[in-house]
């Protein structure tokens, strides 16, 4: 994502650049674990998105918002104007409002997806002793007979590598903007707020005509 091309120079833009770097590292760690272990999602499986609305930080919401401002400005304005609602499933589950059954990854913002979505089925947790533990998702595919292991040596023996740990990456995420690290909200609540923040900055970026969208620039007082 071309953050400098979307937003004016600002503290938010700097933090989004740091977040983009963290996302790249998370993606690399996940890809390396997938390649070493053979763990994978079944083709077309979107179960985790169909019945789950992730809690995300304001910075992650702003990242999605900036991506939308660059890729789908009309969608960004729509979210700012009307908000988002979880997808209600017939069985009572509530799914992510950005889910789309007809896309390869079932996500309309896949490139900008939050950390939990990047790592969900391919990251470990730490048990009460601090050891990394990993369990293959019940819908996941794995060629081995054992589907859960704990401790570095056991993880390497069973899966060929130790997975990245969600909590470790999550701590780094919180450290990018410590002041908002305790402000997690469901995506359907956080994203409209993030879109409003980002579109305001887009509106004051001198070289951006807002593509015919609403004028979000602050009024400039006239000289008396």
C-alpha atoms as a PDB file:
ATOM      1  CA  UNK A   1       0.000   0.000   0.000  1.00  0.00           C
ATOM      2  CA  UNK A   2       1.314   3.433  -0.973  1.00  0.00           C
ATOM      3  CA  UNK A   3       0.712   5.190   2.336  1.00  0.00           C
ATOM      4  CA  UNK A   4       2.569   8.434   1.378  1.00  0.00           C
ATOM      5  CA  UNK A   5       0.482   8.562  -1.802  1.00  0.00           C
ATOM      6  CA  UNK A   6      -2.771   8.325   0.156  1.00  0.00           C
ATOM      7  CA  UNK A   7      -2.131  10.330   3.319  1.00  0.00           C
ATOM      8  CA  UNK A   8      -0.276  13.566   4.022  1.00  0.00           C
ATOM      9  CA  UNK A   9       2.816  13.406   6.210  1.00  0.00           C
ATOM     10  CA  UNK A  10       1.485  12.771   9.708  1.00  0.00           C
ATOM     11  CA  UNK A  11       1.995  10.700  12.832  1.00  0.00           C
ATOM     12  CA  UNK A  12      -0.734   8.336  11.650  1.00  0.00           C
ATOM     13  CA  UNK A  13       1.036   7.808   8.326  1.00  0.00           C
ATOM     14  CA  UNK A  14       4.270   6.989  10.148  1.00  0.00           C
ATOM     15  CA  UNK A  15       2.519   4.485  12.387  1.00  0.00           C
ATOM     16  CA  UNK A  16       0.802   2.864   9.412  1.00  0.00           C
ATOM     17  CA  UNK A  17       4.210   2.417   7.764  1.00  0.00           C
ATOM     18  CA  UNK A  18       5.397   0.658  10.942  1.00  0.00           C
ATOM     19  CA  UNK A  19       2.284  -1.503  10.907  1.00  0.00           C
ATOM     20  CA  UNK A  20       2.856  -2.410   7.254  1.00  0.00           C
ATOM     21  CA  UNK A  21       6.357  -3.595   8.197  1.00  0.00           C
ATOM     22  CA  UNK A  22       4.935  -5.723  11.029  1.00  0.00           C
ATOM     23  CA  UNK A  23       2.352  -7.220   8.666  1.00  0.00           C
ATOM     24  CA  UNK A  24       5.082  -8.146   6.166  1.00  0.00           C
ATOM     25  CA  UNK A  25       7.051  -9.899   8.898  1.00  0.00           C
ATOM     26  CA  UNK A  26       3.947 -11.731  10.113  1.00  0.00           C
ATOM     27  CA  UNK A  27       3.143 -12.875   6.566  1.00  0.00           C
ATOM     28  CA  UNK A  28       6.712 -14.105   6.086  1.00  0.00           C
ATOM     29  CA  UNK A  29       6.655 -16.029   9.377  1.00  0.00           C
ATOM     30  CA  UNK A  30       3.318 -17.641   8.513  1.00  0.00           C
ATOM     31  CA  UNK A  31       4.459 -18.568   5.002  1.00  0.00           C
ATOM     32  CA  UNK A  32       7.651 -20.147   6.333  1.00  0.00           C
ATOM     33  CA  UNK A  33       5.672 -22.214   8.854  1.00  0.00           C
ATOM     34  CA  UNK A  34       3.150 -23.307   6.227  1.00  0.00           C
ATOM     35  CA  UNK A  35       5.928 -24.370   3.864  1.00  0.00           C
ATOM     36  CA  UNK A  36       7.780 -26.308   6.579  1.00  0.00           C
ATOM     37  CA  UNK A  37       4.738 -27.952   8.175  1.00  0.00           C
ATOM     38  CA  UNK A  38       2.313 -28.653   5.349  1.00  0.00           C
ATOM     39  CA  UNK A  39      -0.557 -27.209   7.419  1.00  0.00           C
ATOM     40  CA  UNK A  40      -3.158 -25.577   5.187  1.00  0.00           C
ATOM     41  CA  UNK A  41      -6.769 -24.477   4.958  1.00  0.00           C
ATOM     42  CA  UNK A  42      -9.123 -26.533   2.835  1.00  0.00           C
ATOM     43  CA  UNK A  43      -9.837 -24.999  -0.571  1.00  0.00           C
ATOM     44  CA  UNK A  44     -12.634 -22.467  -0.312  1.00  0.00           C
ATOM     45  CA  UNK A  45     -12.926 -22.739   3.481  1.00  0.00           C
ATOM     46  CA  UNK A  46     -14.117 -19.515   5.065  1.00  0.00           C
ATOM     47  CA  UNK A  47     -15.460 -20.942   8.308  1.00  0.00           C
ATOM     48  CA  UNK A  48     -13.453 -18.639  10.588  1.00  0.00           C
ATOM     49  CA  UNK A  49     -14.757 -15.532   8.783  1.00  0.00           C
ATOM     50  CA  UNK A  50     -18.356 -16.729   8.556  1.00  0.00           C
ATOM     51  CA  UNK A  51     -18.842 -16.950  12.310  1.00  0.00           C
ATOM     52  CA  UNK A  52     -16.377 -14.488  13.781  1.00  0.00           C
ATOM     53  CA  UNK A  53     -16.021 -10.706  13.947  1.00  0.00           C
ATOM     54  CA  UNK A  54     -12.449  -9.840  14.998  1.00  0.00           C
ATOM     55  CA  UNK A  55     -11.627  -7.246  17.625  1.00  0.00           C
ATOM     56  CA  UNK A  56      -9.042  -4.852  16.211  1.00  0.00           C
ATOM     57  CA  UNK A  57      -7.055  -1.833  17.344  1.00  0.00           C
ATOM     58  CA  UNK A  58      -7.708   1.690  16.024  1.00  0.00           C
ATOM     59  CA  UNK A  59      -4.428   1.551  14.109  1.00  0.00           C
ATOM     60  CA  UNK A  60      -5.515  -1.597  12.277  1.00  0.00           C
ATOM     61  CA  UNK A  61      -8.845   0.046  11.463  1.00  0.00           C
ATOM     62  CA  UNK A  62      -6.972   3.042  10.042  1.00  0.00           C
ATOM     63  CA  UNK A  63      -4.819   0.713   7.938  1.00  0.00           C
ATOM     64  CA  UNK A  64      -7.889  -0.885   6.349  1.00  0.00           C
ATOM     65  CA  UNK A  65      -9.383   2.587   5.898  1.00  0.00           C
ATOM     66  CA  UNK A  66      -6.254   3.883   4.152  1.00  0.00           C
ATOM     67  CA  UNK A  67      -6.246   0.847   1.870  1.00  0.00           C
ATOM     68  CA  UNK A  68      -9.887   1.498   0.985  1.00  0.00           C
ATOM     69  CA  UNK A  69      -9.143   5.185   0.387  1.00  0.00           C
ATOM     70  CA  UNK A  70      -6.520   4.134  -2.150  1.00  0.00           C
ATOM     71  CA  UNK A  71      -8.308   1.156  -3.744  1.00  0.00           C
ATOM     72  CA  UNK A  72     -12.039   1.715  -3.338  1.00  0.00           C
ATOM     73  CA  UNK A  73     -12.812   5.300  -2.356  1.00  0.00           C
ATOM     74  CA  UNK A  74     -16.553   4.819  -2.946  1.00  0.00           C
ATOM     75  CA  UNK A  75     -16.617   1.963  -0.430  1.00  0.00           C
ATOM     76  CA  UNK A  76     -14.766   4.105   2.099  1.00  0.00           C
ATOM     77  CA  UNK A  77     -17.384   6.868   1.760  1.00  0.00           C
ATOM     78  CA  UNK A  78     -20.169   4.287   2.042  1.00  0.00           C
ATOM     79  CA  UNK A  79     -18.750   2.910   5.302  1.00  0.00           C
ATOM     80  CA  UNK A  80     -18.316   6.436   6.679  1.00  0.00           C
ATOM     81  CA  UNK A  81     -21.924   7.276   5.819  1.00  0.00           C
ATOM     82  CA  UNK A  82     -23.765   4.078   6.726  1.00  0.00           C
ATOM     83  CA  UNK A  83     -21.444   2.055   8.974  1.00  0.00           C
ATOM     84  CA  UNK A  84     -21.079  -1.727   8.953  1.00  0.00           C
ATOM     85  CA  UNK A  85     -23.083  -4.627  10.313  1.00  0.00           C
ATOM     86  CA  UNK A  86     -21.959  -8.215  10.921  1.00  0.00           C
ATOM     87  CA  UNK A  87     -23.300 -10.851   8.555  1.00  0.00           C
ATOM     88  CA  UNK A  88     -26.094 -12.752  10.286  1.00  0.00           C
ATOM     89  CA  UNK A  89     -26.046 -16.491   9.520  1.00  0.00           C
ATOM     90  CA  UNK A  90     -29.157 -18.701   9.666  1.00  0.00           C
ATOM     91  CA  UNK A  91     -27.569 -20.772  12.446  1.00  0.00           C
ATOM     92  CA  UNK A  92     -27.160 -17.690  14.647  1.00  0.00           C
ATOM     93  CA  UNK A  93     -23.477 -17.054  13.962  1.00  0.00           C
ATOM     94  CA  UNK A  94     -22.355 -13.491  13.248  1.00  0.00           C
ATOM     95  CA  UNK A  95     -19.738 -13.156  10.536  1.00  0.00           C
ATOM     96  CA  UNK A  96     -17.236 -10.523   9.515  1.00  0.00           C
ATOM     97  CA  UNK A  97     -18.904  -7.678   7.579  1.00  0.00           C
ATOM     98  CA  UNK A  98     -15.983  -7.692   5.111  1.00  0.00           C
ATOM     99  CA  UNK A  99     -16.527 -11.357   4.213  1.00  0.00           C
ATOM    100  CA  UNK A 100     -17.269 -12.224   0.587  1.00  0.00           C
ATOM    101  CA  UNK A 101     -18.056 -15.772  -0.502  1.00  0.00           C
ATOM    102  CA  UNK A 102     -17.237 -15.103  -4.156  1.00  0.00           C
ATOM    103  CA  UNK A 103     -13.605 -14.002  -3.732  1.00  0.00           C
ATOM    104  CA  UNK A 104     -10.585 -16.364  -3.546  1.00  0.00           C
ATOM    105  CA  UNK A 105      -9.784 -15.542   0.088  1.00  0.00           C
ATOM    106  CA  UNK A 106     -13.342 -14.647   1.123  1.00  0.00           C
ATOM    107  CA  UNK A 107     -12.177 -11.165   2.117  1.00  0.00           C
ATOM    108  CA  UNK A 108     -12.859  -7.826   0.444  1.00  0.00           C
ATOM    109  CA  UNK A 109      -9.814  -6.203   2.098  1.00  0.00           C
ATOM    110  CA  UNK A 110      -7.446  -9.178   2.041  1.00  0.00           C
ATOM    111  CA  UNK A 111      -4.287  -7.136   1.461  1.00  0.00           C
ATOM    112  CA  UNK A 112      -5.140  -4.930   4.463  1.00  0.00           C
ATOM    113  CA  UNK A 113      -6.591  -7.586   6.785  1.00  0.00           C
ATOM    114  CA  UNK A 114      -5.810  -7.303  10.525  1.00  0.00           C
ATOM    115  CA  UNK A 115      -3.074  -9.247  12.306  1.00  0.00           C
ATOM    116  CA  UNK A 116      -5.395 -11.879  13.762  1.00  0.00           C
ATOM    117  CA  UNK A 117      -6.706 -12.680  10.280  1.00  0.00           C
ATOM    118  CA  UNK A 118      -3.170 -13.008   8.907  1.00  0.00           C
ATOM    119  CA  UNK A 119      -2.070 -15.420  11.623  1.00  0.00           C
ATOM    120  CA  UNK A 120      -5.241 -17.129  12.858  1.00  0.00           C
ATOM    121  CA  UNK A 121      -4.797 -20.754  11.709  1.00  0.00           C
ATOM    122  CA  UNK A 122      -1.005 -20.700  11.525  1.00  0.00           C
ATOM    123  CA  UNK A 123       0.196 -19.240  14.821  1.00  0.00           C
ATOM    124  CA  UNK A 124       0.802 -20.615  18.271  1.00  0.00           C
ATOM    125  CA  UNK A 125      -0.174 -19.515  21.747  1.00  0.00           C
ATOM    126  CA  UNK A 126       1.814 -19.652  24.971  1.00  0.00           C
ATOM    127  CA  UNK A 127       0.682 -22.035  27.682  1.00  0.00           C
ATOM    128  CA  UNK A 128       0.837 -21.288  31.420  1.00  0.00           C
ATOM    129  CA  UNK A 129       4.508 -22.280  31.445  1.00  0.00           C
ATOM    130  CA  UNK A 130       5.348 -19.852  28.643  1.00  0.00           C
ATOM    131  CA  UNK A 131       5.956 -22.578  26.056  1.00  0.00           C
ATOM    132  CA  UNK A 132       4.632 -22.157  22.522  1.00  0.00           C
ATOM    133  CA  UNK A 133       1.751 -24.507  21.679  1.00  0.00           C
ATOM    134  CA  UNK A 134       0.141 -25.113  18.306  1.00  0.00           C
ATOM    135  CA  UNK A 135      -2.958 -27.049  17.324  1.00  0.00           C
ATOM    136  CA  UNK A 136      -4.140 -27.563  13.751  1.00  0.00           C
ATOM    137  CA  UNK A 137      -7.569 -26.011  13.184  1.00  0.00           C
ATOM    138  CA  UNK A 138     -10.313 -28.653  13.211  1.00  0.00           C
ATOM    139  CA  UNK A 139     -11.105 -27.645   9.625  1.00  0.00           C
ATOM    140  CA  UNK A 140      -7.431 -27.492   8.633  1.00  0.00           C
ATOM    141  CA  UNK A 141      -5.453 -29.958   6.556  1.00  0.00           C
ATOM    142  CA  UNK A 142      -2.272 -31.653   7.791  1.00  0.00           C
ATOM    143  CA  UNK A 143      -0.558 -34.806   6.509  1.00  0.00           C
ATOM    144  CA  UNK A 144       0.609 -36.007   9.944  1.00  0.00           C
ATOM    145  CA  UNK A 145      -1.291 -38.022  12.539  1.00  0.00           C
ATOM    146  CA  UNK A 146      -0.473 -35.734  15.501  1.00  0.00           C
ATOM    147  CA  UNK A 147      -2.220 -32.354  15.271  1.00  0.00           C
ATOM    148  CA  UNK A 148      -1.069 -30.620  18.461  1.00  0.00           C
ATOM    149  CA  UNK A 149       2.335 -30.076  20.064  1.00  0.00           C
ATOM    150  CA  UNK A 150       3.946 -27.879  22.698  1.00  0.00           C
ATOM    151  CA  UNK A 151       7.499 -26.702  23.274  1.00  0.00           C
ATOM    152  CA  UNK A 152      10.062 -25.818  20.623  1.00  0.00           C
ATOM    153  CA  UNK A 153      11.601 -29.271  20.210  1.00  0.00           C
ATOM    154  CA  UNK A 154       8.233 -31.025  20.012  1.00  0.00           C
ATOM    155  CA  UNK A 155       6.872 -28.447  17.571  1.00  0.00           C
ATOM    156  CA  UNK A 156       9.858 -28.917  15.290  1.00  0.00           C
ATOM    157  CA  UNK A 157       9.539 -32.721  15.503  1.00  0.00           C
ATOM    158  CA  UNK A 158       5.813 -32.745  14.692  1.00  0.00           C
ATOM    159  CA  UNK A 159       5.506 -29.812  12.304  1.00  0.00           C
ATOM    160  CA  UNK A 160       9.035 -29.319  11.005  1.00  0.00           C
ATOM    161  CA  UNK A 161       9.196 -25.810  12.483  1.00  0.00           C
ATOM    162  CA  UNK A 162       7.880 -23.753  15.377  1.00  0.00           C
ATOM    163  CA  UNK A 163       5.030 -21.435  14.390  1.00  0.00           C
ATOM    164  CA  UNK A 164       5.033 -17.698  15.032  1.00  0.00           C
ATOM    165  CA  UNK A 165       3.285 -16.833  18.306  1.00  0.00           C
ATOM    166  CA  UNK A 166       0.264 -14.548  18.079  1.00  0.00           C
ATOM    167  CA  UNK A 167       0.916 -12.887  21.446  1.00  0.00           C
ATOM    168  CA  UNK A 168       4.461 -11.937  20.456  1.00  0.00           C
ATOM    169  CA  UNK A 169       3.333 -10.206  17.272  1.00  0.00           C
ATOM    170  CA  UNK A 170       0.395  -8.716  19.165  1.00  0.00           C
ATOM    171  CA  UNK A 171       2.748  -7.114  21.673  1.00  0.00           C
ATOM    172  CA  UNK A 172       4.684  -5.517  18.836  1.00  0.00           C
ATOM    173  CA  UNK A 173       1.439  -4.273  17.332  1.00  0.00           C
ATOM    174  CA  UNK A 174       0.393  -2.671  20.625  1.00  0.00           C
ATOM    175  CA  UNK A 175       3.806  -1.016  20.900  1.00  0.00           C
ATOM    176  CA  UNK A 176       3.380   0.927  17.669  1.00  0.00           C
ATOM    177  CA  UNK A 177       0.704   3.119  19.261  1.00  0.00           C
ATOM    178  CA  UNK A 178       0.702   2.415  23.022  1.00  0.00           C
ATOM    179  CA  UNK A 179      -1.871   5.113  23.772  1.00  0.00           C
ATOM    180  CA  UNK A 180      -4.592   3.179  21.915  1.00  0.00           C
ATOM    181  CA  UNK A 181      -3.393  -0.354  22.733  1.00  0.00           C
ATOM    182  CA  UNK A 182      -6.292  -0.876  25.143  1.00  0.00           C
ATOM    183  CA  UNK A 183      -8.985   0.288  22.732  1.00  0.00           C
ATOM    184  CA  UNK A 184      -9.842  -2.910  20.887  1.00  0.00           C
ATOM    185  CA  UNK A 185     -13.303  -2.925  19.342  1.00  0.00           C
ATOM    186  CA  UNK A 186     -15.234  -5.240  17.023  1.00  0.00           C
ATOM    187  CA  UNK A 187     -14.309  -4.562  13.409  1.00  0.00           C
ATOM    188  CA  UNK A 188     -17.801  -3.355  12.532  1.00  0.00           C
ATOM    189  CA  UNK A 189     -17.444  -0.635  15.198  1.00  0.00           C
ATOM    190  CA  UNK A 190     -13.759   0.197  14.749  1.00  0.00           C
ATOM    191  CA  UNK A 191     -13.632   0.466  10.962  1.00  0.00           C
ATOM    192  CA  UNK A 192     -16.173   3.303  10.477  1.00  0.00           C
ATOM    193  CA  UNK A 193     -14.237   5.293  13.085  1.00  0.00           C
ATOM    194  CA  UNK A 194     -10.984   4.547  11.260  1.00  0.00           C
ATOM    195  CA  UNK A 195     -12.485   5.554   7.921  1.00  0.00           C
ATOM    196  CA  UNK A 196     -13.574   8.901   9.380  1.00  0.00           C
ATOM    197  CA  UNK A 197     -10.026   9.556  10.631  1.00  0.00           C
ATOM    198  CA  UNK A 198      -8.417   8.626   7.347  1.00  0.00           C
ATOM    199  CA  UNK A 199     -10.854  10.477   5.081  1.00  0.00           C
ATOM    200  CA  UNK A 200     -10.309  13.620   7.134  1.00  0.00           C
ATOM    201  CA  UNK A 201      -6.569  13.398   6.412  1.00  0.00           C
ATOM    202  CA  UNK A 202      -7.220  12.564   2.779  1.00  0.00           C
ATOM    203  CA  UNK A 203      -9.399  15.664   2.609  1.00  0.00           C
ATOM    204  CA  UNK A 204      -6.623  17.957   3.817  1.00  0.00           C
ATOM    205  CA  UNK A 205      -3.993  16.432   1.536  1.00  0.00           C
ATOM    206  CA  UNK A 206      -3.315  19.312  -0.853  1.00  0.00           C
ATOM    207  CA  UNK A 207      -2.998  17.271  -4.032  1.00  0.00           C
ATOM    208  CA  UNK A 208      -6.086  15.104  -3.545  1.00  0.00           C
ATOM    209  CA  UNK A 209      -9.383  16.291  -5.091  1.00  0.00           C
ATOM    210  CA  UNK A 210     -11.400  13.718  -3.069  1.00  0.00           C
ATOM    211  CA  UNK A 211     -12.687  12.282  -6.356  1.00  0.00           C
ATOM    212  CA  UNK A 212     -15.979  14.100  -5.970  1.00  0.00           C
ATOM    213  CA  UNK A 213     -16.579  12.839  -2.432  1.00  0.00           C
ATOM    214  CA  UNK A 214     -17.787  14.976   0.443  1.00  0.00           C
ATOM    215  CA  UNK A 215     -15.587  17.906   1.433  1.00  0.00           C
ATOM    216  CA  UNK A 216     -13.996  16.831   4.714  1.00  0.00           C
ATOM    217  CA  UNK A 217     -11.518  19.694   4.910  1.00  0.00           C
ATOM    218  CA  UNK A 218     -11.822  22.076   7.841  1.00  0.00           C
ATOM    219  CA  UNK A 219     -13.111  25.554   7.051  1.00  0.00           C
ATOM    220  CA  UNK A 220     -10.448  28.206   6.786  1.00  0.00           C
ATOM    221  CA  UNK A 221     -11.373  31.473   8.534  1.00  0.00           C
ATOM    222  CA  UNK A 222     -11.543  34.475   6.227  1.00  0.00           C
ATOM    223  CA  UNK A 223      -9.359  37.474   6.965  1.00  0.00           C
ATOM    224  CA  UNK A 224     -11.280  40.330   8.529  1.00  0.00           C
END
